[in-house]
Protein backbone atom coordinates (compact mmCIF):
# COMPACT_ATOMS: atom_id res chain seq x y z
CA MET A 1 59.19 27.04 -23.40
CA MET A 2 55.93 26.92 -25.31
CA SER A 3 55.80 27.59 -29.02
CA ASN A 4 54.73 31.07 -30.11
CA ARG A 5 51.89 29.42 -32.01
CA LEU A 6 49.92 29.35 -28.76
CA GLU A 7 47.87 32.32 -27.65
CA PRO A 8 49.45 34.93 -25.35
CA GLU A 9 47.47 33.65 -22.34
CA LEU A 10 49.32 30.32 -22.62
CA ASN A 11 52.76 31.90 -22.79
CA ILE A 12 52.42 33.37 -19.30
CA TYR A 13 52.90 29.92 -17.78
CA HIS A 14 55.16 26.93 -18.32
CA TYR A 15 53.41 23.85 -19.63
CA PRO A 16 54.74 20.32 -20.21
CA ASP A 17 55.77 19.95 -23.85
CA HIS A 18 53.69 16.81 -24.32
CA LEU A 19 50.45 18.73 -23.53
CA ARG A 20 50.94 21.52 -26.07
CA ALA A 21 48.95 19.82 -28.81
CA SER A 22 46.02 19.19 -26.46
CA LEU A 23 46.00 22.80 -25.25
CA GLU A 24 46.07 24.22 -28.76
CA GLN A 25 42.88 22.35 -29.69
CA LEU A 26 40.73 23.41 -26.73
CA PRO A 27 37.56 25.26 -27.86
CA ARG A 28 35.86 28.21 -26.21
CA SER A 29 32.52 26.42 -26.18
CA PRO A 30 30.43 24.46 -23.67
CA GLY A 31 31.23 20.87 -22.96
CA VAL A 32 33.20 18.36 -20.94
CA TYR A 33 36.98 17.96 -20.74
CA LEU A 34 38.99 14.95 -19.62
CA PHE A 35 42.51 14.71 -18.19
CA HIS A 36 44.04 11.36 -19.19
CA GLY A 37 46.94 9.55 -17.52
CA GLN A 38 48.81 6.45 -18.54
CA SER A 39 45.65 4.31 -18.62
CA ASP A 40 43.25 4.59 -21.54
CA ARG A 41 40.48 2.87 -19.57
CA LEU A 42 39.58 5.70 -17.17
CA PRO A 43 40.44 9.40 -17.17
CA LEU A 44 42.12 10.98 -14.16
CA TYR A 45 39.61 13.82 -14.00
CA ILE A 46 36.43 14.96 -15.71
CA GLY A 47 35.17 18.54 -15.64
CA LYS A 48 32.62 20.71 -17.41
CA SER A 49 32.36 24.35 -18.39
CA VAL A 50 30.55 26.78 -20.66
CA ASN A 51 34.05 27.65 -21.92
CA ILE A 52 36.26 24.56 -22.03
CA ARG A 53 39.46 26.42 -22.87
CA SER A 54 39.13 28.95 -20.08
CA ARG A 55 38.34 26.29 -17.47
CA VAL A 56 41.19 23.98 -18.43
CA MET A 57 43.68 26.85 -18.32
CA ALA A 58 42.47 27.63 -14.79
CA HIS A 59 43.65 24.17 -13.70
CA PHE A 60 47.19 25.10 -14.75
CA ARG A 61 47.08 28.20 -12.57
CA ALA A 62 46.04 26.29 -9.44
CA GLN A 63 48.99 25.13 -7.32
CA GLY A 64 46.80 22.62 -5.49
CA GLU A 65 46.31 20.62 -8.69
CA ALA A 66 49.99 19.92 -9.28
CA LYS A 67 49.59 16.20 -8.56
CA LEU A 68 46.85 15.85 -11.16
CA LEU A 69 48.82 17.80 -13.76
CA ARG A 70 51.99 15.77 -13.21
CA GLN A 71 50.09 12.59 -14.04
CA THR A 72 48.24 14.03 -17.06
CA GLN A 73 49.46 12.74 -20.42
CA ARG A 74 46.85 14.35 -22.65
CA ILE A 75 43.60 16.34 -22.51
CA SER A 76 40.50 15.61 -24.58
CA PHE A 77 37.10 17.26 -24.77
CA ILE A 78 33.51 16.73 -25.90
CA THR A 79 31.49 19.79 -26.90
CA THR A 80 27.81 20.16 -26.04
CA ALA A 81 25.05 22.51 -27.16
CA GLY A 82 24.99 24.28 -23.81
CA ALA A 83 25.46 24.21 -20.06
CA LEU A 84 22.72 21.65 -19.41
CA GLY A 85 24.23 19.14 -21.80
CA ALA A 86 27.62 19.64 -20.17
CA LEU A 87 26.15 18.97 -16.72
CA LEU A 88 24.42 15.80 -17.87
CA LEU A 89 27.44 14.44 -19.71
CA GLU A 90 29.81 15.21 -16.84
CA ALA A 91 27.54 13.40 -14.35
CA GLN A 92 27.25 10.40 -16.68
CA LEU A 93 31.00 10.13 -17.19
CA ILE A 94 31.86 10.66 -13.53
CA LYS A 95 29.80 7.60 -12.62
CA GLN A 96 32.73 5.67 -14.11
CA GLN A 97 34.63 6.85 -10.99
CA PRO A 98 37.79 8.52 -12.32
CA LEU A 99 40.66 8.81 -9.86
CA PHE A 100 40.46 12.50 -8.95
CA ASN A 101 36.67 12.98 -8.82
CA LYS A 102 35.04 12.67 -5.41
CA ARG A 103 31.51 13.89 -6.09
CA LEU A 104 28.43 12.54 -7.88
CA ARG A 105 29.20 9.00 -6.72
CA ARG A 106 25.95 7.05 -6.64
CA SER A 107 25.17 5.84 -3.12
CA LYS A 108 23.42 2.54 -2.57
CA GLN A 109 22.02 4.02 0.66
CA LEU A 110 20.02 6.78 -1.10
CA CYS A 111 16.85 7.41 0.88
CA SER A 112 14.00 9.85 1.37
CA LEU A 113 11.20 10.78 3.77
CA ARG A 114 7.77 9.39 2.90
CA ILE A 115 4.44 10.34 4.45
CA GLY A 116 1.62 7.82 4.60
CA ASP A 117 -1.35 7.45 6.96
CA GLY A 118 -0.21 10.48 8.91
CA ARG A 119 3.19 8.98 9.70
CA VAL A 120 6.63 9.64 8.30
CA MET A 121 8.98 6.86 7.24
CA ILE A 122 12.52 6.68 5.89
CA VAL A 123 12.46 4.72 2.63
CA HIS A 124 15.31 3.59 0.37
CA ALA A 125 15.65 3.83 -3.41
CA LYS A 126 16.77 0.20 -3.55
CA GLU A 127 13.31 -0.81 -2.29
CA ILE A 128 10.92 1.51 -4.20
CA ASP A 129 11.13 3.54 -7.40
CA PHE A 130 11.59 7.15 -6.36
CA ALA A 131 10.80 8.36 -9.89
CA VAL A 132 7.13 7.35 -9.68
CA THR A 133 6.39 7.13 -5.93
CA PRO A 134 4.33 10.06 -4.58
CA ASN A 135 4.73 11.82 -1.22
CA LEU A 136 8.52 11.62 -1.04
CA TYR A 137 10.52 14.49 0.40
CA VAL A 138 14.23 15.27 0.00
CA LEU A 139 17.01 12.98 -1.19
CA PHE A 140 19.51 11.86 1.43
CA ALA A 141 22.79 10.01 1.09
CA ASN A 142 21.95 7.73 4.01
CA ARG A 143 19.55 7.11 6.91
CA SER A 144 21.50 9.16 9.46
CA THR A 145 21.30 12.35 7.38
CA ALA A 146 17.56 11.75 6.87
CA LEU A 147 17.05 11.43 10.64
CA ALA A 148 19.07 14.58 11.26
CA LYS A 149 16.88 16.55 8.82
CA LEU A 150 13.72 15.15 10.41
CA ARG A 151 14.91 16.31 13.84
CA VAL A 152 15.55 19.81 12.49
CA ILE A 153 12.03 19.98 11.06
CA ALA A 154 10.54 18.65 14.29
CA ASP A 155 12.39 21.25 16.35
CA GLU A 156 11.35 24.10 14.06
CA GLN A 157 7.68 23.03 13.98
CA ARG A 158 7.36 21.69 17.55
CA LEU A 159 6.51 18.24 16.26
CA CYS A 160 6.55 15.15 18.46
CA TYR A 161 9.64 12.94 18.18
CA GLY A 162 7.51 9.98 19.31
CA LYS A 163 4.85 10.50 16.66
CA LEU A 164 7.56 10.87 14.02
CA GLY A 165 9.21 7.64 15.09
CA ILE A 166 12.47 9.32 16.11
CA ASP A 167 12.06 8.35 19.79
CA LYS A 168 9.97 5.72 21.54
CA LEU A 169 6.78 7.27 22.88
CA PRO A 170 6.02 6.49 26.55
CA VAL A 171 2.75 4.59 27.03
CA GLY A 172 -0.05 6.82 28.31
CA ALA A 173 2.20 9.81 28.90
CA ALA A 174 3.45 12.89 27.13
CA CYS A 175 6.92 12.86 25.67
CA PHE A 176 9.78 14.59 27.50
CA ARG A 177 9.99 17.38 24.91
CA PHE A 178 6.38 18.36 25.66
CA SER A 179 7.37 19.24 29.23
CA LEU A 180 10.11 21.48 27.79
CA GLY A 181 7.69 23.23 25.44
CA LYS A 182 9.44 21.76 22.39
CA CYS A 183 6.51 19.52 21.39
CA ALA A 184 3.00 20.91 20.76
CA GLY A 185 1.44 17.86 22.36
CA ALA A 186 0.26 15.41 19.71
CA CYS A 187 1.57 12.73 22.04
CA CYS A 188 -0.88 13.65 24.84
CA GLY A 189 -3.86 15.15 23.03
CA ALA A 190 -2.88 18.81 23.40
CA GLU A 191 -3.12 18.93 19.61
CA SER A 192 -4.83 16.51 17.26
CA GLU A 193 -3.12 13.94 15.07
CA GLN A 194 -4.55 15.81 12.08
CA GLN A 195 -3.01 19.13 13.16
CA HIS A 196 0.33 17.46 13.79
CA GLY A 197 0.26 15.73 10.40
CA GLN A 198 -0.75 18.88 8.55
CA ARG A 199 2.09 20.91 10.05
CA LEU A 200 4.52 18.18 9.03
CA VAL A 201 3.22 18.16 5.44
CA THR A 202 3.33 21.97 5.25
CA ALA A 203 6.93 22.00 6.47
CA LEU A 204 7.94 19.39 3.89
CA GLU A 205 5.99 20.71 0.91
CA GLN A 206 8.79 22.94 -0.39
CA ILE A 207 11.15 19.96 -0.57
CA ARG A 208 8.81 17.43 -2.22
CA ILE A 209 10.36 15.14 -4.85
CA ASN A 210 8.54 15.48 -8.16
CA CYS A 211 7.32 12.28 -9.77
CA TRP A 212 8.28 11.78 -13.41
CA PRO A 213 5.57 13.81 -15.22
CA TYR A 214 5.51 11.85 -18.50
CA THR A 215 4.35 8.40 -19.56
CA GLY A 216 7.75 7.45 -20.97
CA ARG A 217 10.87 8.84 -22.58
CA VAL A 218 11.22 12.48 -23.61
CA ALA A 219 13.77 14.47 -25.58
CA LEU A 220 14.79 17.84 -24.15
CA GLU A 221 16.00 20.13 -26.93
CA GLU A 222 18.99 22.38 -26.25
CA GLN A 223 20.16 24.81 -28.93
CA GLY A 224 23.64 26.34 -28.80
CA ASP A 225 25.48 28.74 -31.08
CA SER A 226 26.54 26.01 -33.47
CA LEU A 227 25.08 22.80 -32.09
CA ARG A 228 21.60 21.44 -31.32
CA GLN A 229 21.20 18.42 -29.06
CA TYR A 230 18.31 16.32 -27.85
CA HIS A 231 18.87 15.00 -24.33
CA VAL A 232 16.92 11.76 -23.91
CA ILE A 233 15.49 11.19 -20.44
CA ASP A 234 13.27 8.53 -18.88
CA ASN A 235 12.12 8.56 -15.23
CA TRP A 236 14.72 11.28 -14.50
CA PHE A 237 17.41 8.94 -15.89
CA TYR A 238 19.66 10.53 -18.51
CA LEU A 239 20.08 8.07 -21.39
CA GLY A 240 22.30 10.19 -23.61
CA SER A 241 22.25 12.98 -26.19
CA VAL A 242 21.74 12.87 -29.95
CA SER A 243 21.74 15.42 -32.76
CA SER A 244 18.39 14.33 -34.27
CA LEU A 245 15.13 12.86 -32.98
CA GLU A 246 15.54 9.88 -35.31
CA GLN A 247 18.67 8.88 -33.40
CA ALA A 248 16.76 8.91 -30.12
CA ASP A 249 15.19 5.53 -30.97
CA ALA A 250 18.50 3.87 -30.12
CA LEU A 251 18.42 5.21 -26.54
CA GLN A 252 15.84 2.98 -24.89
CA HIS A 253 17.62 0.97 -22.20
CA PRO A 254 15.61 1.14 -18.95
CA ALA A 255 16.96 2.81 -15.85
CA SER A 256 18.50 0.34 -13.42
CA HIS A 257 18.16 2.72 -10.45
CA PHE A 258 16.83 6.14 -9.49
CA ASP A 259 19.30 8.65 -10.89
CA SER A 260 19.62 11.28 -8.16
CA ASP A 261 22.17 13.23 -10.21
CA GLY A 262 19.82 13.34 -13.20
CA TYR A 263 16.93 14.40 -10.99
CA LYS A 264 18.85 17.27 -9.40
CA ILE A 265 20.13 18.52 -12.76
CA LEU A 266 16.91 18.11 -14.73
CA CYS A 267 14.01 18.77 -12.37
CA LYS A 268 14.06 22.57 -12.37
CA PRO A 269 14.66 23.18 -16.11
CA LEU A 270 12.21 20.47 -17.14
CA MET A 271 9.39 21.44 -14.74
CA ALA A 272 9.84 25.18 -15.35
CA GLY A 273 9.37 24.87 -19.09
CA HIS A 274 12.72 26.44 -20.00
CA TYR A 275 13.27 23.97 -22.85
CA ARG A 276 11.23 22.37 -25.60
CA ILE A 277 10.20 18.86 -24.52
CA ILE A 278 9.25 16.19 -27.08
CA GLU A 279 7.55 13.04 -25.87
CA LEU A 280 9.03 10.01 -27.62
CA PRO A 281 7.27 6.82 -28.71
CA GLY A 282 7.75 3.77 -26.56
């Protein structure tokens, strides 16, 4: 049984004796927690929460996590100033691919829709820099999911599969979907190329990828109850967090790829002006 030194909430359940010290130290503050196994090289699992203690205890109440808990030898944590810092740190650490994490794995097939000269193309992040390329729409894990989304948009807007490059357009004839009333007729002149292109752009506008809006690195300030952090970002790539702007000089390594995780986490808070942003010298 657990020692009475632990809080009442811990005494409701039975915990392995070797984890008692780890559980006693868990804070009720934002941050990231790590479940460690026999290996010191990689953790078994990485999670985040605005209340580390509460979230870790929830793992012990979940029967489906018995396998993870049996392999856990100790639990560590890293506190952050707030929820945003926890999200960024979790995503950064998970890229090391711990055993029990399945999400946030960076895909080499990351792609997007790009509009140019009235046509839509599927482009890949390994070929162009998504952080600074305009007229990109939606991030996809692979080409097949991008094509599926394009078909959905075409069906909703009565766009021509042939003009979009989804199907081969018959020479001198309307596409088959026009005869079914599912295409507005850009393929046969029933509507103009300009009208077709404008409806495509309008449909995609709400899912446009924002280009990096700064000339270089920035520090996003996050203030918590007892901790202030500066999250250093460049081209949507999270470089790390520091406690003072002077320390940010050390975080200057260039991004090796477009960080889709960083973009999804940072775009809304950064563009909406929810945090103080400090542009850093190059």
